[in-house]
Amino acid sequence: MGSEKKNFKFDGSFKRTFPSEANFSNSPDSSKSFGDTQLDLFHHRHGLLILHLVATMMFAPSVVAWFQVDDIYQLLSC
């Protein structure tokens, strides 16, 4: 790992890694079939759903703890 040197060069263009409209062509000479396109779109949306669910699961304990601390302060202020 220490002996490997990675060279990252920026060519001046920003290439998007998510599906773009250019990839979803309805033309008959398109390289992807309709089923392949739908499967790619499903995987993209499924990945976003999983990402949001994991983020929610990570955020939920913080919200619960915040409400518990708020309840403790209300009890002490009486």
N, C-alpha and C. Protein backbone atom coordinates (compact mmCIF):
# COMPACT_ATOMS: atom_id res chain seq x y z
N MET A 1 0.83 -1.19 0.00
CA MET A 1 0.00 0.00 0.00
C MET A 1 0.87 1.25 0.00
N GLY A 2 1.97 1.22 0.76
CA GLY A 2 2.84 2.37 0.81
C GLY A 2 3.63 2.55 -0.48
N SER A 3 3.90 1.45 -1.19
CA SER A 3 4.69 1.55 -2.41
C SER A 3 3.85 1.98 -3.61
N GLU A 4 2.55 1.85 -3.50
CA GLU A 4 1.68 2.25 -4.61
C GLU A 4 1.48 3.76 -4.57
N LYS A 5 1.60 4.37 -5.73
CA LYS A 5 1.34 5.80 -5.84
C LYS A 5 0.24 5.99 -6.87
N LYS A 6 -0.82 6.63 -6.45
CA LYS A 6 -1.94 6.84 -7.35
C LYS A 6 -1.88 8.27 -7.88
N ASN A 7 -2.00 8.38 -9.16
CA ASN A 7 -2.02 9.69 -9.80
C ASN A 7 -3.44 10.00 -10.24
N PHE A 8 -4.02 11.01 -9.63
CA PHE A 8 -5.35 11.45 -10.00
C PHE A 8 -5.21 12.74 -10.77
N LYS A 9 -5.67 12.73 -12.00
CA LYS A 9 -5.57 13.92 -12.83
C LYS A 9 -6.97 14.40 -13.18
N PHE A 10 -7.15 15.69 -13.12
CA PHE A 10 -8.43 16.31 -13.45
C PHE A 10 -8.36 16.79 -14.89
N ASP A 11 -9.27 16.30 -15.72
CA ASP A 11 -9.24 16.66 -17.13
C ASP A 11 -10.10 17.88 -17.46
N GLY A 12 -10.68 18.51 -16.44
CA GLY A 12 -11.48 19.71 -16.66
C GLY A 12 -12.95 19.45 -16.89
N SER A 13 -13.37 18.19 -16.90
CA SER A 13 -14.78 17.90 -17.11
C SER A 13 -15.35 17.22 -15.86
N PHE A 14 -16.60 17.48 -15.62
CA PHE A 14 -17.29 16.85 -14.49
C PHE A 14 -18.21 15.78 -15.06
N LYS A 15 -17.85 14.53 -14.85
CA LYS A 15 -18.65 13.43 -15.37
C LYS A 15 -19.57 12.93 -14.26
N ARG A 16 -20.85 12.88 -14.54
CA ARG A 16 -21.81 12.42 -13.54
C ARG A 16 -21.79 10.90 -13.49
N THR A 17 -21.92 10.36 -12.29
CA THR A 17 -21.91 8.91 -12.14
C THR A 17 -23.31 8.35 -11.98
N PHE A 18 -24.31 9.18 -11.91
CA PHE A 18 -25.68 8.69 -11.82
C PHE A 18 -26.30 8.68 -13.21
N PRO A 19 -27.35 7.91 -13.38
CA PRO A 19 -27.95 7.79 -14.72
C PRO A 19 -28.40 9.15 -15.25
N SER A 20 -28.04 9.43 -16.46
CA SER A 20 -28.46 10.69 -17.08
C SER A 20 -29.46 10.40 -18.19
N GLU A 21 -30.08 11.45 -18.66
CA GLU A 21 -31.08 11.28 -19.71
C GLU A 21 -30.45 10.78 -21.01
N ALA A 22 -29.18 11.04 -21.21
CA ALA A 22 -28.52 10.59 -22.43
C ALA A 22 -28.41 9.06 -22.46
N ASN A 23 -28.33 8.43 -21.31
CA ASN A 23 -28.22 6.98 -21.25
C ASN A 23 -29.55 6.28 -21.51
N PHE A 24 -30.66 6.99 -21.37
CA PHE A 24 -31.98 6.39 -21.53
C PHE A 24 -32.57 6.78 -22.87
N SER A 25 -32.03 6.20 -23.89
CA SER A 25 -32.46 6.53 -25.24
C SER A 25 -33.52 5.53 -25.69
N ASN A 26 -34.53 6.03 -26.39
CA ASN A 26 -35.58 5.16 -26.93
C ASN A 26 -35.29 4.75 -28.37
N SER A 27 -34.16 5.14 -28.89
CA SER A 27 -33.85 4.83 -30.29
C SER A 27 -33.55 3.34 -30.44
N PRO A 28 -33.86 2.76 -31.61
CA PRO A 28 -33.63 1.33 -31.81
C PRO A 28 -32.16 0.94 -31.81
N ASP A 29 -31.25 1.87 -32.11
CA ASP A 29 -29.83 1.54 -32.12
C ASP A 29 -29.16 1.78 -30.77
N SER A 30 -29.96 1.97 -29.74
CA SER A 30 -29.42 2.17 -28.40
C SER A 30 -28.74 0.89 -27.91
N SER A 31 -27.67 1.04 -27.12
CA SER A 31 -26.90 -0.13 -26.69
C SER A 31 -27.57 -0.88 -25.56
N LYS A 32 -28.50 -0.26 -24.85
CA LYS A 32 -29.20 -0.92 -23.75
C LYS A 32 -30.63 -1.22 -24.14
N SER A 33 -31.11 -2.37 -23.70
CA SER A 33 -32.51 -2.69 -23.93
C SER A 33 -33.36 -1.97 -22.89
N PHE A 34 -34.65 -1.96 -23.10
CA PHE A 34 -35.57 -1.30 -22.17
C PHE A 34 -35.48 -1.96 -20.80
N GLY A 35 -35.40 -3.29 -20.77
CA GLY A 35 -35.31 -4.01 -19.50
C GLY A 35 -34.03 -3.68 -18.74
N ASP A 36 -32.91 -3.57 -19.49
CA ASP A 36 -31.64 -3.20 -18.84
C ASP A 36 -31.71 -1.80 -18.25
N THR A 37 -32.34 -0.90 -18.99
CA THR A 37 -32.48 0.47 -18.51
C THR A 37 -33.33 0.52 -17.26
N GLN A 38 -34.44 -0.24 -17.27
CA GLN A 38 -35.31 -0.27 -16.09
C GLN A 38 -34.59 -0.88 -14.90
N LEU A 39 -33.78 -1.90 -15.14
CA LEU A 39 -33.03 -2.53 -14.05
C LEU A 39 -31.99 -1.58 -13.47
N ASP A 40 -31.31 -0.82 -14.34
CA ASP A 40 -30.36 0.17 -13.85
C ASP A 40 -31.05 1.25 -13.03
N LEU A 41 -32.21 1.71 -13.50
CA LEU A 41 -32.96 2.72 -12.77
C LEU A 41 -33.42 2.19 -11.43
N PHE A 42 -33.87 0.93 -11.40
CA PHE A 42 -34.28 0.31 -10.13
C PHE A 42 -33.12 0.25 -9.15
N HIS A 43 -31.95 -0.18 -9.63
CA HIS A 43 -30.80 -0.28 -8.74
C HIS A 43 -30.39 1.10 -8.20
N HIS A 44 -30.47 2.12 -9.04
CA HIS A 44 -30.13 3.47 -8.61
C HIS A 44 -31.09 3.94 -7.52
N ARG A 45 -32.38 3.76 -7.75
CA ARG A 45 -33.38 4.20 -6.77
C ARG A 45 -33.33 3.35 -5.51
N HIS A 46 -33.07 2.06 -5.66
CA HIS A 46 -32.95 1.19 -4.49
C HIS A 46 -31.76 1.61 -3.64
N GLY A 47 -30.66 1.97 -4.28
CA GLY A 47 -29.49 2.44 -3.54
C GLY A 47 -29.78 3.72 -2.78
N LEU A 48 -30.52 4.64 -3.39
CA LEU A 48 -30.88 5.88 -2.69
C LEU A 48 -31.81 5.59 -1.52
N LEU A 49 -32.73 4.65 -1.68
CA LEU A 49 -33.63 4.28 -0.59
C LEU A 49 -32.85 3.71 0.58
N ILE A 50 -31.94 2.80 0.31
CA ILE A 50 -31.12 2.20 1.36
C ILE A 50 -30.27 3.27 2.05
N LEU A 51 -29.70 4.18 1.27
CA LEU A 51 -28.90 5.27 1.83
C LEU A 51 -29.73 6.11 2.80
N HIS A 52 -30.96 6.46 2.40
CA HIS A 52 -31.81 7.27 3.27
C HIS A 52 -32.24 6.50 4.52
N LEU A 53 -32.51 5.21 4.37
CA LEU A 53 -32.88 4.41 5.54
C LEU A 53 -31.73 4.31 6.54
N VAL A 54 -30.53 4.10 6.05
CA VAL A 54 -29.36 4.02 6.94
C VAL A 54 -29.12 5.37 7.62
N ALA A 55 -29.25 6.46 6.88
CA ALA A 55 -29.07 7.78 7.47
C ALA A 55 -30.12 8.05 8.55
N THR A 56 -31.35 7.62 8.32
CA THR A 56 -32.41 7.78 9.32
C THR A 56 -32.11 6.96 10.56
N MET A 57 -31.64 5.73 10.36
CA MET A 57 -31.31 4.88 11.50
C MET A 57 -30.16 5.47 12.31
N MET A 58 -29.24 6.16 11.67
CA MET A 58 -28.13 6.78 12.39
C MET A 58 -28.57 8.05 13.11
N PHE A 59 -29.55 8.74 12.58
CA PHE A 59 -30.00 10.02 13.13
C PHE A 59 -31.01 9.84 14.27
N ALA A 60 -31.78 8.76 14.23
CA ALA A 60 -32.86 8.55 15.20
C ALA A 60 -32.37 8.52 16.65
N PRO A 61 -31.30 7.82 17.01
CA PRO A 61 -30.87 7.83 18.41
C PRO A 61 -30.50 9.23 18.92
N SER A 62 -29.97 10.07 18.07
CA SER A 62 -29.64 11.43 18.48
C SER A 62 -30.90 12.22 18.81
N VAL A 63 -31.94 12.04 18.02
CA VAL A 63 -33.20 12.74 18.27
C VAL A 63 -33.81 12.25 19.58
N VAL A 64 -33.79 10.95 19.82
CA VAL A 64 -34.34 10.39 21.05
C VAL A 64 -33.57 10.93 22.25
N ALA A 65 -32.24 10.96 22.17
CA ALA A 65 -31.43 11.47 23.27
C ALA A 65 -31.70 12.95 23.50
N TRP A 66 -31.90 13.70 22.44
CA TRP A 66 -32.18 15.12 22.59
C TRP A 66 -33.49 15.34 23.35
N PHE A 67 -34.51 14.55 23.02
CA PHE A 67 -35.78 14.67 23.74
C PHE A 67 -35.65 14.23 25.20
N GLN A 68 -34.84 13.22 25.47
CA GLN A 68 -34.64 12.78 26.85
C GLN A 68 -33.92 13.86 27.66
N VAL A 69 -32.93 14.50 27.10
CA VAL A 69 -32.23 15.58 27.81
C VAL A 69 -33.18 16.74 28.04
N ASP A 70 -34.01 17.05 27.07
CA ASP A 70 -34.99 18.12 27.21
C ASP A 70 -35.97 17.80 28.34
N ASP A 71 -36.40 16.56 28.46
CA ASP A 71 -37.30 16.15 29.53
C ASP A 71 -36.63 16.28 30.90
N ILE A 72 -35.36 15.94 30.99
CA ILE A 72 -34.63 16.04 32.25
C ILE A 72 -34.54 17.51 32.68
N TYR A 73 -34.26 18.41 31.75
CA TYR A 73 -34.17 19.83 32.08
C TYR A 73 -35.51 20.38 32.54
N GLN A 74 -36.60 19.90 31.94
CA GLN A 74 -37.92 20.35 32.38
C GLN A 74 -38.24 19.86 33.78
N LEU A 75 -37.82 18.64 34.12
CA LEU A 75 -38.05 18.11 35.46
C LEU A 75 -37.23 18.87 36.51
N LEU A 76 -36.01 19.23 36.14
CA LEU A 76 -35.13 19.92 37.10
C LEU A 76 -35.54 21.38 37.31
N SER A 77 -36.19 21.98 36.36
CA SER A 77 -36.52 23.40 36.46
C SER A 77 -37.79 23.65 37.30
N CYS A 78 -38.50 22.61 37.69
CA CYS A 78 -39.73 22.80 38.48
C CYS A 78 -39.46 23.19 39.89
